[in-house]
Amino acid sequence: MTVVTVVISPACTACGSCLSTCPEGSLSAHPGRPDVDSSTCTGCLACVEVCPTDAITWVGSVNGAGSPVGAGSPLGAGQPGRRR
């Protein structure tokens, strides 16, 4: 089971890339930066991958691996907080 809390930092430029990428529609536009609906977010991290400013990170456990990750922890590509 994936248990992730998506965190959007002040580095967000409100470009909207994450809004159109979220398959669940869990992100909604708000002045300044998007809001995340944690009740519908499945933790797919598509928003993290598409963010051009690396403003989106996560806290939790990804894909039921049981290994905890923290905001900014790498899951690949050598960039903290990103899965690439």
N, C-alpha and C. Protein backbone atom coordinates (compact mmCIF):
# COMPACT_ATOMS: atom_id res chain seq x y z
N MET A 1 0.83 -1.17 0.00
CA MET A 1 0.00 0.00 0.00
C MET A 1 0.88 1.25 0.00
N THR A 2 0.49 2.25 -0.74
CA THR A 2 1.23 3.49 -0.81
C THR A 2 0.61 4.50 0.15
N VAL A 3 1.42 4.99 1.05
CA VAL A 3 0.98 6.00 1.99
C VAL A 3 1.92 7.18 1.84
N VAL A 4 1.45 8.21 1.14
CA VAL A 4 2.29 9.35 0.83
C VAL A 4 1.54 10.64 1.12
N THR A 5 2.23 11.59 1.68
CA THR A 5 1.70 12.94 1.81
C THR A 5 2.52 13.82 0.89
N VAL A 6 1.86 14.44 -0.07
CA VAL A 6 2.53 15.32 -1.01
C VAL A 6 2.66 16.70 -0.37
N VAL A 7 3.86 17.27 -0.49
CA VAL A 7 4.15 18.57 0.11
C VAL A 7 4.55 19.53 -1.00
N ILE A 8 3.87 20.66 -1.10
CA ILE A 8 4.20 21.67 -2.10
C ILE A 8 4.85 22.85 -1.39
N SER A 9 6.10 23.12 -1.75
CA SER A 9 6.87 24.16 -1.07
C SER A 9 6.63 25.54 -1.67
N PRO A 10 7.11 26.57 -1.00
CA PRO A 10 6.99 27.93 -1.52
C PRO A 10 7.73 28.14 -2.86
N ALA A 11 8.57 27.20 -3.26
CA ALA A 11 9.27 27.30 -4.55
C ALA A 11 8.32 27.12 -5.73
N CYS A 12 7.09 26.71 -5.46
CA CYS A 12 6.08 26.52 -6.51
C CYS A 12 5.82 27.85 -7.22
N THR A 13 5.81 27.79 -8.56
CA THR A 13 5.54 28.99 -9.36
C THR A 13 4.11 29.01 -9.88
N ALA A 14 3.30 28.05 -9.47
CA ALA A 14 1.90 27.93 -9.91
C ALA A 14 1.78 27.81 -11.43
N CYS A 15 2.70 27.05 -12.03
CA CYS A 15 2.71 26.89 -13.48
C CYS A 15 1.56 26.00 -13.98
N GLY A 16 1.04 25.13 -13.11
CA GLY A 16 -0.09 24.27 -13.46
C GLY A 16 0.28 22.91 -14.02
N SER A 17 1.57 22.63 -14.17
CA SER A 17 1.98 21.33 -14.73
C SER A 17 1.44 20.16 -13.92
N CYS A 18 1.46 20.26 -12.62
CA CYS A 18 1.00 19.17 -11.77
C CYS A 18 -0.51 18.97 -11.87
N LEU A 19 -1.24 20.07 -12.05
CA LEU A 19 -2.70 19.98 -12.13
C LEU A 19 -3.16 19.09 -13.26
N SER A 20 -2.54 19.23 -14.41
CA SER A 20 -2.94 18.44 -15.57
C SER A 20 -2.35 17.04 -15.57
N THR A 21 -1.39 16.79 -14.71
CA THR A 21 -0.72 15.48 -14.66
C THR A 21 -1.37 14.51 -13.69
N CYS A 22 -1.99 15.01 -12.65
CA CYS A 22 -2.56 14.15 -11.61
C CYS A 22 -3.71 13.31 -12.17
N PRO A 23 -3.56 11.97 -12.19
CA PRO A 23 -4.61 11.12 -12.74
C PRO A 23 -5.88 11.08 -11.88
N GLU A 24 -5.76 11.45 -10.62
CA GLU A 24 -6.91 11.43 -9.71
C GLU A 24 -7.58 12.79 -9.57
N GLY A 25 -6.97 13.82 -10.14
CA GLY A 25 -7.52 15.17 -9.98
C GLY A 25 -7.41 15.67 -8.55
N SER A 26 -6.38 15.22 -7.85
CA SER A 26 -6.22 15.55 -6.43
C SER A 26 -5.62 16.92 -6.18
N LEU A 27 -5.20 17.59 -7.23
CA LEU A 27 -4.61 18.92 -7.09
C LEU A 27 -5.58 19.95 -7.64
N SER A 28 -5.78 21.02 -6.90
CA SER A 28 -6.66 22.08 -7.38
C SER A 28 -5.92 23.41 -7.32
N ALA A 29 -6.25 24.28 -8.27
CA ALA A 29 -5.57 25.57 -8.38
C ALA A 29 -6.03 26.51 -7.27
N HIS A 30 -5.06 27.16 -6.68
CA HIS A 30 -5.30 28.19 -5.68
C HIS A 30 -4.28 29.28 -5.93
N PRO A 31 -4.58 30.51 -5.59
CA PRO A 31 -3.59 31.58 -5.77
C PRO A 31 -2.30 31.24 -5.02
N GLY A 32 -1.20 31.34 -5.69
CA GLY A 32 0.09 31.07 -5.06
C GLY A 32 0.62 29.69 -5.33
N ARG A 33 -0.16 28.66 -5.02
CA ARG A 33 0.26 27.28 -5.28
C ARG A 33 -0.92 26.34 -5.14
N PRO A 34 -0.85 25.17 -5.76
CA PRO A 34 -1.97 24.22 -5.72
C PRO A 34 -2.21 23.66 -4.32
N ASP A 35 -3.41 23.14 -4.12
CA ASP A 35 -3.79 22.48 -2.89
C ASP A 35 -3.93 20.99 -3.20
N VAL A 36 -3.52 20.13 -2.29
CA VAL A 36 -3.58 18.68 -2.48
C VAL A 36 -4.72 18.12 -1.64
N ASP A 37 -5.59 17.34 -2.28
CA ASP A 37 -6.67 16.64 -1.56
C ASP A 37 -6.13 15.27 -1.18
N SER A 38 -5.71 15.13 0.06
CA SER A 38 -5.09 13.88 0.51
C SER A 38 -6.07 12.71 0.54
N SER A 39 -7.36 13.00 0.52
CA SER A 39 -8.34 11.91 0.54
C SER A 39 -8.46 11.21 -0.82
N THR A 40 -8.01 11.86 -1.89
CA THR A 40 -8.07 11.23 -3.22
C THR A 40 -6.70 10.94 -3.80
N CYS A 41 -5.65 11.51 -3.23
CA CYS A 41 -4.28 11.29 -3.72
C CYS A 41 -3.89 9.83 -3.49
N THR A 42 -3.42 9.17 -4.55
CA THR A 42 -3.02 7.77 -4.44
C THR A 42 -1.52 7.60 -4.24
N GLY A 43 -0.78 8.70 -4.24
CA GLY A 43 0.66 8.62 -4.04
C GLY A 43 1.43 8.17 -5.27
N CYS A 44 0.88 8.39 -6.45
CA CYS A 44 1.58 7.96 -7.68
C CYS A 44 2.82 8.81 -7.95
N LEU A 45 2.88 10.00 -7.38
CA LEU A 45 4.00 10.93 -7.48
C LEU A 45 4.23 11.50 -8.88
N ALA A 46 3.20 11.42 -9.74
CA ALA A 46 3.30 12.02 -11.08
C ALA A 46 3.56 13.52 -10.96
N CYS A 47 2.97 14.16 -9.97
CA CYS A 47 3.17 15.59 -9.76
C CYS A 47 4.63 15.90 -9.43
N VAL A 48 5.26 15.03 -8.66
CA VAL A 48 6.66 15.21 -8.28
C VAL A 48 7.53 15.16 -9.53
N GLU A 49 7.25 14.21 -10.40
CA GLU A 49 8.05 14.01 -11.60
C GLU A 49 7.94 15.17 -12.58
N VAL A 50 6.79 15.80 -12.66
CA VAL A 50 6.55 16.82 -13.68
C VAL A 50 6.90 18.24 -13.21
N CYS A 51 7.07 18.46 -11.94
CA CYS A 51 7.31 19.81 -11.41
C CYS A 51 8.65 20.37 -11.91
N PRO A 52 8.60 21.47 -12.67
CA PRO A 52 9.84 22.02 -13.23
C PRO A 52 10.73 22.72 -12.20
N THR A 53 10.19 23.06 -11.03
CA THR A 53 10.98 23.75 -10.02
C THR A 53 11.33 22.87 -8.83
N ASP A 54 11.02 21.57 -8.91
CA ASP A 54 11.26 20.64 -7.80
C ASP A 54 10.60 21.11 -6.51
N ALA A 55 9.45 21.75 -6.64
CA ALA A 55 8.75 22.30 -5.47
C ALA A 55 7.87 21.27 -4.77
N ILE A 56 7.72 20.08 -5.39
CA ILE A 56 6.84 19.07 -4.80
C ILE A 56 7.69 17.90 -4.30
N THR A 57 7.53 17.58 -3.03
CA THR A 57 8.21 16.44 -2.42
C THR A 57 7.15 15.59 -1.73
N TRP A 58 7.57 14.60 -0.98
CA TRP A 58 6.63 13.71 -0.32
C TRP A 58 7.19 13.25 1.01
N VAL A 59 6.30 12.73 1.83
CA VAL A 59 6.66 12.09 3.09
C VAL A 59 5.82 10.83 3.15
N GLY A 60 6.43 9.70 3.44
CA GLY A 60 5.66 8.47 3.56
C GLY A 60 6.39 7.25 3.06
N SER A 61 5.61 6.26 2.65
CA SER A 61 6.11 4.99 2.16
C SER A 61 5.55 4.78 0.76
N VAL A 62 6.42 4.46 -0.19
CA VAL A 62 6.02 4.36 -1.59
C VAL A 62 5.90 2.92 -2.04
N ASN A 63 4.80 2.60 -2.69
CA ASN A 63 4.53 1.29 -3.29
C ASN A 63 4.62 0.12 -2.33
N GLY A 64 4.28 0.38 -1.09
CA GLY A 64 4.20 -0.70 -0.11
C GLY A 64 5.53 -1.37 0.18
N ALA A 65 6.62 -0.75 -0.23
CA ALA A 65 7.93 -1.36 -0.04
C ALA A 65 8.32 -1.43 1.43
N GLY A 66 7.59 -0.69 2.24
CA GLY A 66 7.88 -0.72 3.67
C GLY A 66 9.07 0.12 4.05
N SER A 67 9.75 0.68 3.05
CA SER A 67 10.89 1.52 3.37
C SER A 67 10.43 2.96 3.43
N PRO A 68 10.60 3.58 4.57
CA PRO A 68 10.13 4.96 4.70
C PRO A 68 10.98 5.91 3.88
N VAL A 69 10.35 6.91 3.34
CA VAL A 69 11.08 7.98 2.66
C VAL A 69 10.63 9.29 3.29
N GLY A 70 11.52 10.23 3.30
CA GLY A 70 11.17 11.53 3.86
C GLY A 70 11.18 12.57 2.78
N ALA A 71 10.64 13.71 3.07
CA ALA A 71 10.64 14.81 2.10
C ALA A 71 12.07 15.05 1.68
N GLY A 72 12.30 14.99 0.39
CA GLY A 72 13.63 15.21 -0.14
C GLY A 72 14.44 13.94 -0.28
N SER A 73 13.93 12.79 0.14
CA SER A 73 14.68 11.55 -0.01
C SER A 73 14.65 11.08 -1.45
N PRO A 74 15.78 10.67 -1.99
CA PRO A 74 15.81 10.25 -3.39
C PRO A 74 15.20 8.86 -3.60
N LEU A 75 14.51 8.72 -4.69
CA LEU A 75 14.05 7.40 -5.13
C LEU A 75 14.67 7.08 -6.48
N GLY A 76 15.59 7.87 -6.91
CA GLY A 76 16.23 7.65 -8.20
C GLY A 76 16.73 8.96 -8.77
N ALA A 77 17.47 8.86 -9.83
CA ALA A 77 17.99 9.98 -10.62
C ALA A 77 18.91 10.92 -9.85
N GLY A 78 19.20 10.62 -8.62
CA GLY A 78 20.12 11.44 -7.86
C GLY A 78 19.57 12.80 -7.47
N GLN A 79 18.29 13.06 -7.71
CA GLN A 79 17.70 14.32 -7.31
C GLN A 79 16.79 14.09 -6.12
N PRO A 80 17.07 14.74 -5.00
CA PRO A 80 16.21 14.56 -3.83
C PRO A 80 14.75 14.91 -4.14
N GLY A 81 13.86 14.08 -3.63
CA GLY A 81 12.45 14.33 -3.76
C GLY A 81 11.86 14.01 -5.11
N ARG A 82 12.61 13.35 -5.98
CA ARG A 82 12.12 13.04 -7.32
C ARG A 82 12.34 11.56 -7.60
N ARG A 83 11.51 10.98 -8.48
CA ARG A 83 11.60 9.55 -8.77
C ARG A 83 12.29 9.25 -10.08
N ARG A 84 12.73 10.20 -10.80
CA ARG A 84 13.28 9.95 -12.14
C ARG A 84 14.52 9.13 -12.11
